[in-house]
Amino acid sequence: MKKQEYFDMGIAQGLSLSQIESVLCNILQVSQTKLFTLSEVSSKYIYEIQKVFFDISHGVSTEYAINKADFYGREFFVDNRVLIPRNDTEILVKQALIKLNTTLDISNTVYIDVWTGSWCIVISIINEMFPLKFSCVYAFDVSSEALEVAEKNKSSLALTDLTLKKSSLLESAFHDTNVSNKHLFLTANLPYIKSGDFEHMDASVVLNEPDWAFYWW
C-alpha cells in the first residue's frame, strides 16, 4: 500500500499527523526521517495499524496505544497501569540534577523515588548523572501493577543495581540498613488532585489513566 493511504486512513478517523507518524514509526520500527523517505508500506501491517488508529480515535491516548512515551530524551514503556510521563515532570528532573550537581559525595547518598510509576524520573536522573553513582537507589510505589511496568523499563534499559519495592511513601526505607548513616536524596511525583474532582480534567485522562496515581484519597 502507498504510505499516503495509511495517512488518509488515520485522518479519516480524526487522528493528527503527529499521531499517525507516531503509530507508523512504532509499528514499522523506523525513525521519523526514515518514515519520510518511504513511499510504500507493506499491507501486512494494515490490521495492526487499523487497530491502533481505532483505539486512538475512541479515546485511548497515543502513548497507551503504542505502549511508548518520550520523557527527557528517552523512550519508556507505558500502559494504563501507570501515568503517562508529562513534560511538566521534566522540570522535577532538571531541578533534581541542579541540586545533585552541587552535592559532592554522591557515593554516600541513597536516592529514593516515591510513587515511582514507570520509573521515568529515576532512570532519567541516573543516566544524566552517569558515571557518578549513588550508594544505592530505591523506587517505591503503592501499586504492584505500576511496579511491573517499572521492572519492564528497568530490564529494557539494562539497569541492575536498583531496587523496586511496594511501599506507601517511605515506610520501607527506614527498615533497610543500607539507608543508615547515609545522605538521603528524595524525589516524588505524588497524587495531586482532590478525589472526584473531574471538572477540569481531560476526558481521556479520566477514562484511561489510573485513578490511584492522580487522586489523593
N, C-alpha and C. Protein backbone atom coordinates (compact mmCIF):
# COMPACT_ATOMS: atom_id res chain seq x y z
N MET A 1 0.84 -1.20 0.00
CA MET A 1 0.00 0.00 0.00
C MET A 1 0.87 1.26 0.00
N LYS A 2 0.34 2.31 -0.57
CA LYS A 2 1.02 3.59 -0.51
C LYS A 2 1.00 4.10 0.93
N LYS A 3 2.10 4.71 1.33
CA LYS A 3 2.15 5.28 2.68
C LYS A 3 1.03 6.29 2.86
N GLN A 4 0.75 7.05 1.83
CA GLN A 4 -0.29 8.07 1.93
C GLN A 4 -1.65 7.47 2.25
N GLU A 5 -1.88 6.23 1.83
CA GLU A 5 -3.16 5.59 2.13
C GLU A 5 -3.33 5.38 3.62
N TYR A 6 -2.24 5.07 4.31
CA TYR A 6 -2.31 4.93 5.77
C TYR A 6 -2.57 6.28 6.43
N PHE A 7 -1.94 7.33 5.89
CA PHE A 7 -2.21 8.66 6.43
C PHE A 7 -3.66 9.05 6.20
N ASP A 8 -4.18 8.76 5.01
CA ASP A 8 -5.58 9.07 4.72
C ASP A 8 -6.51 8.31 5.66
N MET A 9 -6.16 7.07 5.96
CA MET A 9 -6.95 6.24 6.86
C MET A 9 -7.00 6.86 8.27
N GLY A 10 -5.83 7.31 8.73
CA GLY A 10 -5.77 7.92 10.06
C GLY A 10 -6.51 9.24 10.13
N ILE A 11 -6.33 10.06 9.11
CA ILE A 11 -7.01 11.35 9.07
C ILE A 11 -8.52 11.16 9.05
N ALA A 12 -8.99 10.16 8.32
CA ALA A 12 -10.43 9.88 8.25
C ALA A 12 -11.00 9.51 9.62
N GLN A 13 -10.13 8.99 10.50
CA GLN A 13 -10.58 8.62 11.84
C GLN A 13 -10.33 9.72 12.88
N GLY A 14 -9.86 10.86 12.40
CA GLY A 14 -9.72 12.02 13.27
C GLY A 14 -8.36 12.15 13.94
N LEU A 15 -7.36 11.38 13.50
CA LEU A 15 -6.03 11.48 14.09
C LEU A 15 -5.26 12.64 13.49
N SER A 16 -4.37 13.20 14.28
CA SER A 16 -3.50 14.26 13.78
C SER A 16 -2.33 13.63 13.02
N LEU A 17 -1.63 14.44 12.25
CA LEU A 17 -0.48 13.94 11.51
C LEU A 17 0.59 13.39 12.45
N SER A 18 0.81 14.07 13.58
CA SER A 18 1.83 13.62 14.53
C SER A 18 1.44 12.28 15.15
N GLN A 19 0.15 12.09 15.41
CA GLN A 19 -0.30 10.80 15.95
C GLN A 19 -0.09 9.68 14.93
N ILE A 20 -0.42 9.97 13.68
CA ILE A 20 -0.24 8.97 12.62
C ILE A 20 1.23 8.62 12.47
N GLU A 21 2.08 9.62 12.49
CA GLU A 21 3.53 9.38 12.38
C GLU A 21 4.02 8.52 13.55
N SER A 22 3.56 8.82 14.75
CA SER A 22 3.98 8.05 15.92
C SER A 22 3.58 6.59 15.79
N VAL A 23 2.36 6.35 15.34
CA VAL A 23 1.87 4.98 15.18
C VAL A 23 2.69 4.24 14.12
N LEU A 24 2.88 4.87 12.97
CA LEU A 24 3.61 4.21 11.88
C LEU A 24 5.07 3.95 12.26
N CYS A 25 5.71 4.93 12.89
CA CYS A 25 7.11 4.74 13.29
C CYS A 25 7.23 3.59 14.29
N ASN A 26 6.28 3.51 15.21
CA ASN A 26 6.34 2.47 16.23
C ASN A 26 6.10 1.08 15.63
N ILE A 27 5.09 0.95 14.80
CA ILE A 27 4.76 -0.36 14.23
C ILE A 27 5.79 -0.80 13.21
N LEU A 28 6.28 0.13 12.40
CA LEU A 28 7.27 -0.20 11.38
C LEU A 28 8.69 -0.25 11.94
N GLN A 29 8.84 0.27 13.18
CA GLN A 29 10.17 0.32 13.81
C GLN A 29 11.16 1.12 12.98
N VAL A 30 10.73 2.33 12.61
CA VAL A 30 11.59 3.22 11.84
C VAL A 30 11.57 4.60 12.48
N SER A 31 12.57 5.40 12.18
CA SER A 31 12.61 6.78 12.66
C SER A 31 11.68 7.64 11.82
N GLN A 32 11.42 8.86 12.30
CA GLN A 32 10.61 9.79 11.51
C GLN A 32 11.29 10.12 10.19
N THR A 33 12.60 10.23 10.22
CA THR A 33 13.35 10.51 8.99
C THR A 33 13.18 9.38 7.98
N LYS A 34 13.29 8.15 8.47
CA LYS A 34 13.13 7.01 7.59
C LYS A 34 11.70 6.92 7.06
N LEU A 35 10.73 7.19 7.92
CA LEU A 35 9.33 7.16 7.50
C LEU A 35 9.09 8.15 6.37
N PHE A 36 9.71 9.31 6.48
CA PHE A 36 9.54 10.36 5.46
C PHE A 36 10.01 9.87 4.09
N THR A 37 11.02 9.02 4.07
CA THR A 37 11.58 8.55 2.79
C THR A 37 10.79 7.40 2.17
N LEU A 38 9.91 6.79 2.95
CA LEU A 38 9.15 5.66 2.43
C LEU A 38 8.01 6.13 1.54
N SER A 39 7.76 5.39 0.48
CA SER A 39 6.59 5.67 -0.35
C SER A 39 5.58 4.53 -0.24
N GLU A 40 6.08 3.33 0.07
CA GLU A 40 5.23 2.15 0.20
C GLU A 40 5.37 1.57 1.61
N VAL A 41 4.26 1.05 2.13
CA VAL A 41 4.27 0.35 3.41
C VAL A 41 3.55 -0.97 3.20
N SER A 42 4.17 -2.05 3.60
CA SER A 42 3.60 -3.37 3.37
C SER A 42 2.18 -3.48 3.94
N SER A 43 1.31 -4.12 3.19
CA SER A 43 -0.08 -4.32 3.63
C SER A 43 -0.18 -5.30 4.79
N LYS A 44 0.92 -5.99 5.12
CA LYS A 44 0.88 -6.93 6.25
C LYS A 44 0.67 -6.20 7.58
N TYR A 45 0.93 -4.90 7.58
CA TYR A 45 0.77 -4.11 8.80
C TYR A 45 -0.62 -3.51 8.94
N ILE A 46 -1.47 -3.71 7.94
CA ILE A 46 -2.72 -2.96 7.90
C ILE A 46 -3.62 -3.24 9.10
N TYR A 47 -3.73 -4.50 9.52
CA TYR A 47 -4.61 -4.82 10.65
C TYR A 47 -4.11 -4.17 11.93
N GLU A 48 -2.80 -4.28 12.16
CA GLU A 48 -2.24 -3.70 13.38
C GLU A 48 -2.39 -2.19 13.40
N ILE A 49 -2.13 -1.56 12.26
CA ILE A 49 -2.27 -0.11 12.18
C ILE A 49 -3.72 0.32 12.35
N GLN A 50 -4.64 -0.39 11.70
CA GLN A 50 -6.06 -0.07 11.83
C GLN A 50 -6.52 -0.16 13.28
N LYS A 51 -6.06 -1.19 13.98
CA LYS A 51 -6.45 -1.39 15.38
C LYS A 51 -5.99 -0.22 16.25
N VAL A 52 -4.73 0.20 16.06
CA VAL A 52 -4.21 1.31 16.86
C VAL A 52 -4.93 2.61 16.51
N PHE A 53 -5.16 2.84 15.22
CA PHE A 53 -5.92 4.03 14.81
C PHE A 53 -7.31 4.02 15.47
N PHE A 54 -7.95 2.86 15.48
CA PHE A 54 -9.29 2.74 16.07
C PHE A 54 -9.23 3.07 17.56
N ASP A 55 -8.25 2.52 18.26
CA ASP A 55 -8.15 2.77 19.70
C ASP A 55 -7.97 4.26 19.99
N ILE A 56 -7.08 4.90 19.24
CA ILE A 56 -6.83 6.33 19.47
C ILE A 56 -8.07 7.15 19.14
N SER A 57 -8.74 6.80 18.06
CA SER A 57 -9.94 7.55 17.66
C SER A 57 -11.07 7.38 18.66
N HIS A 58 -10.99 6.34 19.50
CA HIS A 58 -12.02 6.11 20.51
C HIS A 58 -11.53 6.47 21.92
N GLY A 59 -10.55 7.37 21.99
CA GLY A 59 -10.19 7.97 23.27
C GLY A 59 -8.97 7.44 23.96
N VAL A 60 -8.35 6.38 23.44
CA VAL A 60 -7.12 5.87 24.06
C VAL A 60 -5.97 6.80 23.67
N SER A 61 -5.16 7.17 24.65
CA SER A 61 -4.04 8.05 24.35
C SER A 61 -3.07 7.38 23.39
N THR A 62 -2.37 8.18 22.61
CA THR A 62 -1.39 7.63 21.67
C THR A 62 -0.33 6.82 22.40
N GLU A 63 0.11 7.32 23.57
CA GLU A 63 1.16 6.63 24.33
C GLU A 63 0.72 5.25 24.78
N TYR A 64 -0.52 5.13 25.24
CA TYR A 64 -1.01 3.82 25.65
C TYR A 64 -1.22 2.91 24.44
N ALA A 65 -1.67 3.50 23.35
CA ALA A 65 -1.96 2.70 22.15
C ALA A 65 -0.69 2.07 21.58
N ILE A 66 0.43 2.79 21.69
CA ILE A 66 1.68 2.25 21.14
C ILE A 66 2.62 1.76 22.25
N ASN A 67 2.17 1.87 23.51
CA ASN A 67 2.97 1.44 24.67
C ASN A 67 4.34 2.10 24.72
N LYS A 68 4.35 3.39 24.44
CA LYS A 68 5.62 4.10 24.43
C LYS A 68 5.40 5.58 24.72
N ALA A 69 6.27 6.14 25.56
CA ALA A 69 6.21 7.57 25.85
C ALA A 69 7.61 8.14 25.89
N ASP A 70 7.78 9.34 25.38
CA ASP A 70 9.06 10.03 25.42
C ASP A 70 9.15 10.87 26.69
N PHE A 71 10.29 10.77 27.35
CA PHE A 71 10.50 11.58 28.55
C PHE A 71 11.99 11.85 28.71
N TYR A 72 12.34 13.10 28.78
CA TYR A 72 13.71 13.56 28.98
C TYR A 72 14.68 12.91 27.98
N GLY A 73 14.23 12.82 26.74
CA GLY A 73 15.09 12.33 25.67
C GLY A 73 15.20 10.83 25.56
N ARG A 74 14.35 10.10 26.32
CA ARG A 74 14.38 8.64 26.26
C ARG A 74 12.97 8.10 26.08
N GLU A 75 12.91 6.86 25.60
CA GLU A 75 11.61 6.21 25.43
C GLU A 75 11.36 5.25 26.57
N PHE A 76 10.12 5.26 27.08
CA PHE A 76 9.74 4.39 28.19
C PHE A 76 8.50 3.59 27.81
N PHE A 77 8.46 2.36 28.28
CA PHE A 77 7.26 1.55 28.12
C PHE A 77 6.20 2.08 29.08
N VAL A 78 4.98 2.26 28.59
CA VAL A 78 3.86 2.66 29.43
C VAL A 78 2.61 1.91 28.99
N ASP A 79 1.73 1.68 29.94
CA ASP A 79 0.37 1.24 29.64
C ASP A 79 -0.52 1.80 30.74
N ASN A 80 -1.79 1.37 30.78
CA ASN A 80 -2.72 2.02 31.70
C ASN A 80 -2.55 1.63 33.16
N ARG A 81 -1.43 0.97 33.49
CA ARG A 81 -1.09 0.71 34.89
C ARG A 81 -0.32 1.88 35.51
N VAL A 82 0.14 2.80 34.66
CA VAL A 82 0.92 3.95 35.15
C VAL A 82 0.47 5.22 34.43
N LEU A 83 0.82 6.37 35.02
CA LEU A 83 0.57 7.63 34.35
C LEU A 83 1.47 7.77 33.12
N ILE A 84 1.00 8.50 32.14
CA ILE A 84 1.84 8.88 31.02
C ILE A 84 2.77 9.99 31.49
N PRO A 85 4.09 9.85 31.33
CA PRO A 85 5.01 10.91 31.76
C PRO A 85 4.67 12.25 31.10
N ARG A 86 4.64 13.29 31.91
CA ARG A 86 4.31 14.63 31.42
C ARG A 86 5.57 15.46 31.20
N ASN A 87 5.47 16.41 30.28
CA ASN A 87 6.57 17.34 30.08
C ASN A 87 6.86 18.14 31.35
N ASP A 88 5.81 18.47 32.10
CA ASP A 88 6.00 19.25 33.33
C ASP A 88 6.89 18.51 34.33
N THR A 89 6.83 17.18 34.31
CA THR A 89 7.62 16.41 35.26
C THR A 89 9.11 16.49 34.92
N GLU A 90 9.43 16.84 33.69
CA GLU A 90 10.84 17.02 33.33
C GLU A 90 11.46 18.15 34.14
N ILE A 91 10.64 19.11 34.59
CA ILE A 91 11.14 20.20 35.44
C ILE A 91 11.69 19.63 36.74
N LEU A 92 10.99 18.63 37.29
CA LEU A 92 11.46 17.97 38.51
C LEU A 92 12.84 17.36 38.29
N VAL A 93 13.02 16.69 37.15
CA VAL A 93 14.31 16.07 36.83
C VAL A 93 15.39 17.15 36.72
N LYS A 94 15.09 18.23 36.03
CA LYS A 94 16.07 19.30 35.86
C LYS A 94 16.49 19.89 37.20
N GLN A 95 15.51 20.14 38.08
CA GLN A 95 15.82 20.71 39.40
C GLN A 95 16.60 19.72 40.26
N ALA A 96 16.27 18.44 40.15
CA ALA A 96 17.00 17.42 40.89
C ALA A 96 18.46 17.38 40.46
N LEU A 97 18.70 17.48 39.15
CA LEU A 97 20.06 17.44 38.64
C LEU A 97 20.87 18.66 39.08
N ILE A 98 20.21 19.81 39.12
CA ILE A 98 20.89 21.02 39.62
C ILE A 98 21.33 20.81 41.06
N LYS A 99 20.43 20.26 41.88
CA LYS A 99 20.75 20.00 43.28
C LYS A 99 21.86 18.97 43.41
N LEU A 100 21.76 17.90 42.66
CA LEU A 100 22.76 16.82 42.75
C LEU A 100 24.14 17.27 42.30
N ASN A 101 24.18 18.15 41.34
CA ASN A 101 25.48 18.62 40.84
C ASN A 101 26.19 19.54 41.83
N THR A 102 25.49 19.93 42.90
CA THR A 102 26.13 20.69 43.98
C THR A 102 26.41 19.79 45.18
N THR A 103 26.06 18.53 45.09
CA THR A 103 26.31 17.56 46.16
C THR A 103 27.58 16.80 45.82
N LEU A 104 28.59 16.92 46.67
CA LEU A 104 29.90 16.37 46.33
C LEU A 104 29.97 14.85 46.51
N ASP A 105 29.32 14.33 47.55
CA ASP A 105 29.51 12.92 47.88
C ASP A 105 28.31 12.08 47.44
N ILE A 106 28.14 11.93 46.14
CA ILE A 106 27.06 11.11 45.60
C ILE A 106 27.22 9.65 46.04
N SER A 107 28.44 9.22 46.17
CA SER A 107 28.69 7.81 46.52
C SER A 107 28.21 7.46 47.92
N ASN A 108 27.98 8.47 48.74
CA ASN A 108 27.46 8.23 50.09
C ASN A 108 26.00 8.67 50.21
N THR A 109 25.34 8.75 49.08
CA THR A 109 23.95 9.23 49.05
C THR A 109 23.01 8.11 48.60
N VAL A 110 21.94 7.93 49.34
CA VAL A 110 20.88 7.00 48.96
C VAL A 110 19.79 7.80 48.25
N TYR A 111 19.45 7.37 47.05
CA TYR A 111 18.41 8.04 46.27
C TYR A 111 17.12 7.22 46.35
N ILE A 112 16.03 7.88 46.75
CA ILE A 112 14.73 7.22 46.86
C ILE A 112 13.70 8.01 46.05
N ASP A 113 12.98 7.31 45.20
CA ASP A 113 11.88 7.91 44.45
C ASP A 113 10.57 7.32 44.95
N VAL A 114 9.63 8.19 45.30
CA VAL A 114 8.36 7.76 45.89
C VAL A 114 7.24 7.86 44.86
N TRP A 115 6.36 6.86 44.83
CA TRP A 115 5.30 6.75 43.82
C TRP A 115 5.93 6.82 42.44
N THR A 116 6.77 5.86 42.17
CA THR A 116 7.67 5.92 41.03
C THR A 116 7.01 5.70 39.68
N GLY A 117 5.85 4.98 39.64
CA GLY A 117 5.17 4.77 38.36
C GLY A 117 6.04 4.02 37.36
N SER A 118 6.24 4.61 36.19
CA SER A 118 7.01 3.96 35.13
C SER A 118 8.51 3.99 35.40
N TRP A 119 8.92 4.71 36.44
CA TRP A 119 10.33 4.84 36.80
C TRP A 119 11.07 5.82 35.91
N CYS A 120 10.35 6.64 35.20
CA CYS A 120 10.98 7.55 34.24
C CYS A 120 11.85 8.59 34.94
N ILE A 121 11.44 9.04 36.14
CA ILE A 121 12.23 10.05 36.85
C ILE A 121 13.56 9.47 37.28
N VAL A 122 13.51 8.30 37.92
CA VAL A 122 14.72 7.66 38.43
C VAL A 122 15.71 7.38 37.29
N ILE A 123 15.23 6.74 36.24
CA ILE A 123 16.10 6.34 35.14
C ILE A 123 16.72 7.57 34.46
N SER A 124 15.93 8.62 34.33
CA SER A 124 16.46 9.84 33.71
C SER A 124 17.57 10.44 34.56
N ILE A 125 17.36 10.53 35.86
CA ILE A 125 18.37 11.12 36.75
C ILE A 125 19.63 10.27 36.77
N ILE A 126 19.48 8.97 36.90
CA ILE A 126 20.66 8.08 36.94
C ILE A 126 21.48 8.19 35.66
N ASN A 127 20.81 8.20 34.53
CA ASN A 127 21.52 8.29 33.26
C ASN A 127 22.21 9.65 33.08
N GLU A 128 21.56 10.71 33.54
CA GLU A 128 22.15 12.04 33.41
C GLU A 128 23.34 12.21 34.36
N MET A 129 23.34 11.51 35.50
CA MET A 129 24.44 11.61 36.46
C MET A 129 25.63 10.72 36.10
N PHE A 130 25.42 9.74 35.24
CA PHE A 130 26.48 8.80 34.88
C PHE A 130 27.73 9.55 34.39
N PRO A 131 28.94 9.16 34.82
CA PRO A 131 29.31 7.91 35.50
C PRO A 131 29.23 7.95 37.02
N LEU A 132 28.83 9.09 37.60
CA LEU A 132 28.67 9.13 39.05
C LEU A 132 27.55 8.18 39.47
N LYS A 133 27.73 7.51 40.60
CA LYS A 133 26.73 6.55 41.06
C LYS A 133 26.37 6.79 42.52
N PHE A 134 25.07 6.62 42.82
CA PHE A 134 24.61 6.70 44.19
C PHE A 134 25.05 5.46 44.97
N SER A 135 25.05 5.59 46.29
CA SER A 135 25.33 4.43 47.14
C SER A 135 24.33 3.31 46.86
N CYS A 136 23.07 3.66 46.79
CA CYS A 136 22.02 2.73 46.36
C CYS A 136 20.80 3.53 45.95
N VAL A 137 19.94 2.89 45.18
CA VAL A 137 18.77 3.56 44.63
C VAL A 137 17.54 2.70 44.89
N TYR A 138 16.49 3.33 45.42
CA TYR A 138 15.23 2.65 45.67
C TYR A 138 14.10 3.39 44.96
N ALA A 139 13.13 2.64 44.50
CA ALA A 139 11.91 3.23 43.95
C ALA A 139 10.73 2.54 44.62
N PHE A 140 9.85 3.33 45.21
CA PHE A 140 8.69 2.80 45.92
C PHE A 140 7.40 3.16 45.19
N ASP A 141 6.46 2.25 45.21
CA ASP A 141 5.13 2.55 44.71
C ASP A 141 4.12 1.71 45.47
N VAL A 142 2.95 2.28 45.68
CA VAL A 142 1.90 1.57 46.40
C VAL A 142 1.21 0.54 45.52
N SER A 143 1.41 0.64 44.20
CA SER A 143 0.74 -0.23 43.24
C SER A 143 1.67 -1.33 42.73
N SER A 144 1.26 -2.58 42.93
CA SER A 144 2.03 -3.70 42.38
C SER A 144 2.06 -3.66 40.87
N GLU A 145 0.96 -3.22 40.25
CA GLU A 145 0.89 -3.15 38.79
C GLU A 145 1.87 -2.12 38.25
N ALA A 146 1.98 -0.98 38.93
CA ALA A 146 2.94 0.03 38.48
C ALA A 146 4.37 -0.49 38.57
N LEU A 147 4.65 -1.25 39.61
CA LEU A 147 5.99 -1.80 39.77
C LEU A 147 6.33 -2.78 38.65
N GLU A 148 5.32 -3.47 38.12
CA GLU A 148 5.55 -4.37 36.98
C GLU A 148 6.01 -3.58 35.76
N VAL A 149 5.42 -2.40 35.56
CA VAL A 149 5.83 -1.55 34.44
C VAL A 149 7.24 -1.01 34.67
N ALA A 150 7.51 -0.58 35.91
CA ALA A 150 8.84 -0.09 36.24
C ALA A 150 9.89 -1.17 36.01
N GLU A 151 9.58 -2.40 36.38
CA GLU A 151 10.51 -3.50 36.19
C GLU A 151 10.79 -3.72 34.71
N LYS A 152 9.77 -3.54 33.90
CA LYS A 152 9.95 -3.70 32.44
C LYS A 152 10.90 -2.64 31.90
N ASN A 153 10.76 -1.41 32.37
CA ASN A 153 11.67 -0.35 31.94
C ASN A 153 13.08 -0.58 32.47
N LYS A 154 13.17 -1.08 33.68
CA LYS A 154 14.48 -1.41 34.26
C LYS A 154 15.19 -2.45 33.39
N SER A 155 14.47 -3.48 32.99
CA SER A 155 15.07 -4.55 32.19
C SER A 155 15.47 -4.07 30.81
N SER A 156 14.60 -3.27 30.19
CA SER A 156 14.88 -2.83 28.82
C SER A 156 16.06 -1.89 28.75
N LEU A 157 16.33 -1.17 29.84
CA LEU A 157 17.43 -0.21 29.85
C LEU A 157 18.67 -0.76 30.55
N ALA A 158 18.66 -2.07 30.84
CA ALA A 158 19.83 -2.77 31.37
C ALA A 158 20.37 -2.14 32.66
N LEU A 159 19.45 -1.75 33.53
CA LEU A 159 19.84 -1.21 34.83
C LEU A 159 19.63 -2.29 35.88
N THR A 160 20.68 -2.65 36.60
CA THR A 160 20.58 -3.77 37.52
C THR A 160 20.73 -3.39 38.99
N ASP A 161 21.48 -2.35 39.28
CA ASP A 161 21.77 -2.02 40.67
C ASP A 161 20.74 -1.07 41.28
N LEU A 162 19.47 -1.39 41.04
CA LEU A 162 18.36 -0.58 41.54
C LEU A 162 17.35 -1.51 42.20
N THR A 163 16.64 -0.99 43.21
CA THR A 163 15.70 -1.82 43.95
C THR A 163 14.30 -1.22 43.88
N LEU A 164 13.36 -2.05 43.46
CA LEU A 164 11.94 -1.67 43.45
C LEU A 164 11.25 -2.32 44.65
N LYS A 165 10.41 -1.55 45.34
CA LYS A 165 9.68 -2.10 46.47
C LYS A 165 8.26 -1.55 46.51
N LYS A 166 7.34 -2.38 46.96
CA LYS A 166 5.98 -1.90 47.19
C LYS A 166 5.94 -1.24 48.55
N SER A 167 5.55 0.01 48.56
CA SER A 167 5.53 0.76 49.81
C SER A 167 4.69 2.01 49.64
N SER A 168 4.02 2.40 50.71
CA SER A 168 3.32 3.67 50.74
C SER A 168 4.27 4.70 51.33
N LEU A 169 4.63 5.68 50.54
CA LEU A 169 5.58 6.71 50.94
C LEU A 169 6.91 6.07 51.33
N LEU A 170 7.47 6.41 52.52
CA LEU A 170 8.83 5.99 52.85
C LEU A 170 8.90 4.88 53.88
N GLU A 171 7.80 4.21 54.16
CA GLU A 171 7.79 3.28 55.28
C GLU A 171 8.81 2.16 55.14
N SER A 172 9.10 1.73 53.91
CA SER A 172 10.06 0.64 53.71
C SER A 172 11.50 1.09 53.89
N ALA A 173 11.75 2.37 53.66
CA ALA A 173 13.13 2.84 53.67
C ALA A 173 13.78 2.72 55.03
N PHE A 174 13.02 2.97 56.06
CA PHE A 174 13.61 3.05 57.39
C PHE A 174 13.81 1.69 58.04
N HIS A 175 13.46 0.63 57.32
CA HIS A 175 13.74 -0.72 57.79
C HIS A 175 14.94 -1.32 57.06
N ASP A 176 15.60 -0.52 56.25
CA ASP A 176 16.70 -1.00 55.44
C ASP A 176 18.02 -0.48 55.98
N THR A 177 18.92 -1.38 56.29
CA THR A 177 20.20 -0.98 56.87
C THR A 177 21.06 -0.18 55.89
N ASN A 178 20.81 -0.31 54.59
CA ASN A 178 21.59 0.44 53.60
C ASN A 178 21.35 1.94 53.70
N VAL A 179 20.24 2.33 54.33
CA VAL A 179 19.89 3.74 54.42
C VAL A 179 20.57 4.40 55.61
N SER A 180 20.95 3.62 56.60
CA SER A 180 21.53 4.17 57.83
C SER A 180 22.84 4.90 57.54
N ASN A 181 22.99 6.03 58.21
CA ASN A 181 24.23 6.81 58.14
C ASN A 181 24.59 7.26 56.72
N LYS A 182 23.59 7.46 55.90
CA LYS A 182 23.82 7.94 54.54
C LYS A 182 23.00 9.22 54.31
N HIS A 183 23.48 10.01 53.39
CA HIS A 183 22.67 11.14 52.95
C HIS A 183 21.48 10.60 52.16
N LEU A 184 20.34 11.27 52.27
CA LEU A 184 19.16 10.86 51.52
C LEU A 184 18.83 11.92 50.48
N PHE A 185 18.52 11.46 49.27
CA PHE A 185 18.02 12.35 48.23
C PHE A 185 16.70 11.78 47.75
N LEU A 186 15.64 12.59 47.84
CA LEU A 186 14.29 12.10 47.53
C LEU A 186 13.69 12.85 46.35
N THR A 187 12.98 12.10 45.50
CA THR A 187 12.08 12.70 44.51
C THR A 187 10.72 12.05 44.67
N ALA A 188 9.68 12.77 44.30
CA ALA A 188 8.32 12.23 44.44
C ALA A 188 7.39 12.95 43.49
N ASN A 189 6.56 12.19 42.81
CA ASN A 189 5.51 12.76 41.98
C ASN A 189 4.19 12.19 42.51
N LEU A 190 3.76 12.76 43.64
CA LEU A 190 2.62 12.21 44.38
C LEU A 190 1.29 12.58 43.74
N PRO A 191 0.22 11.83 44.07
CA PRO A 191 -1.12 12.22 43.62
C PRO A 191 -1.41 13.65 44.06
N TYR A 192 -2.01 14.43 43.17
CA TYR A 192 -2.13 15.86 43.43
C TYR A 192 -3.53 16.42 43.15
N ILE A 193 -4.49 15.56 42.88
CA ILE A 193 -5.84 16.03 42.56
C ILE A 193 -6.81 15.53 43.62
N LYS A 194 -7.67 16.41 44.08
CA LYS A 194 -8.66 16.02 45.08
C LYS A 194 -9.58 14.93 44.52
N SER A 195 -9.86 13.93 45.32
CA SER A 195 -10.67 12.81 44.87
C SER A 195 -12.02 13.27 44.31
N GLY A 196 -12.33 12.77 43.11
CA GLY A 196 -13.62 13.08 42.49
C GLY A 196 -13.69 14.41 41.79
N ASP A 197 -12.57 15.14 41.75
CA ASP A 197 -12.57 16.46 41.11
C ASP A 197 -12.24 16.31 39.62
N PHE A 198 -13.25 15.96 38.83
CA PHE A 198 -13.04 15.66 37.42
C PHE A 198 -13.30 16.86 36.50
N GLU A 199 -13.85 17.93 37.05
CA GLU A 199 -14.39 19.01 36.23
C GLU A 199 -13.37 19.61 35.27
N HIS A 200 -12.13 19.77 35.73
CA HIS A 200 -11.14 20.44 34.90
C HIS A 200 -10.14 19.47 34.29
N MET A 201 -10.48 18.19 34.25
CA MET A 201 -9.57 17.19 33.70
C MET A 201 -10.03 16.75 32.32
N ASP A 202 -9.08 16.45 31.47
CA ASP A 202 -9.37 15.96 30.13
C ASP A 202 -10.06 14.61 30.23
N ALA A 203 -11.07 14.40 29.39
CA ALA A 203 -11.85 13.16 29.44
C ALA A 203 -10.99 11.92 29.22
N SER A 204 -10.00 12.01 28.33
CA SER A 204 -9.15 10.84 28.05
C SER A 204 -8.32 10.46 29.26
N VAL A 205 -7.95 11.46 30.07
CA VAL A 205 -7.20 11.20 31.30
C VAL A 205 -8.08 10.47 32.30
N VAL A 206 -9.30 10.97 32.49
CA VAL A 206 -10.23 10.37 33.45
C VAL A 206 -10.55 8.93 33.07
N LEU A 207 -10.73 8.69 31.77
CA LEU A 207 -11.16 7.37 31.31
C LEU A 207 -10.02 6.35 31.25
N ASN A 208 -8.80 6.81 31.00
CA ASN A 208 -7.72 5.88 30.70
C ASN A 208 -6.64 5.74 31.76
N GLU A 209 -6.31 6.80 32.44
CA GLU A 209 -5.16 6.73 33.35
C GLU A 209 -5.59 6.31 34.75
N PRO A 210 -4.68 5.66 35.51
CA PRO A 210 -5.05 5.06 36.79
C PRO A 210 -5.42 6.08 37.87
N ASP A 211 -6.60 5.89 38.46
CA ASP A 211 -7.09 6.82 39.48
C ASP A 211 -6.13 6.99 40.64
N TRP A 212 -5.56 5.87 41.10
CA TRP A 212 -4.73 5.91 42.30
C TRP A 212 -3.53 6.83 42.15
N ALA A 213 -3.09 7.06 40.90
CA ALA A 213 -1.92 7.90 40.69
C ALA A 213 -2.25 9.38 40.64
N PHE A 214 -3.52 9.71 40.44
CA PHE A 214 -3.94 11.11 40.35
C PHE A 214 -4.55 11.63 41.65
N TYR A 215 -5.39 10.81 42.27
CA TYR A 215 -6.25 11.32 43.33
C TYR A 215 -5.73 10.97 44.71
N TRP A 216 -5.60 12.03 45.52
CA TRP A 216 -5.18 11.86 46.90
C TRP A 216 -6.43 11.59 47.73
N TRP A 217 -6.65 10.31 48.06
CA TRP A 217 -7.90 9.90 48.68
C TRP A 217 -7.99 10.37 50.13
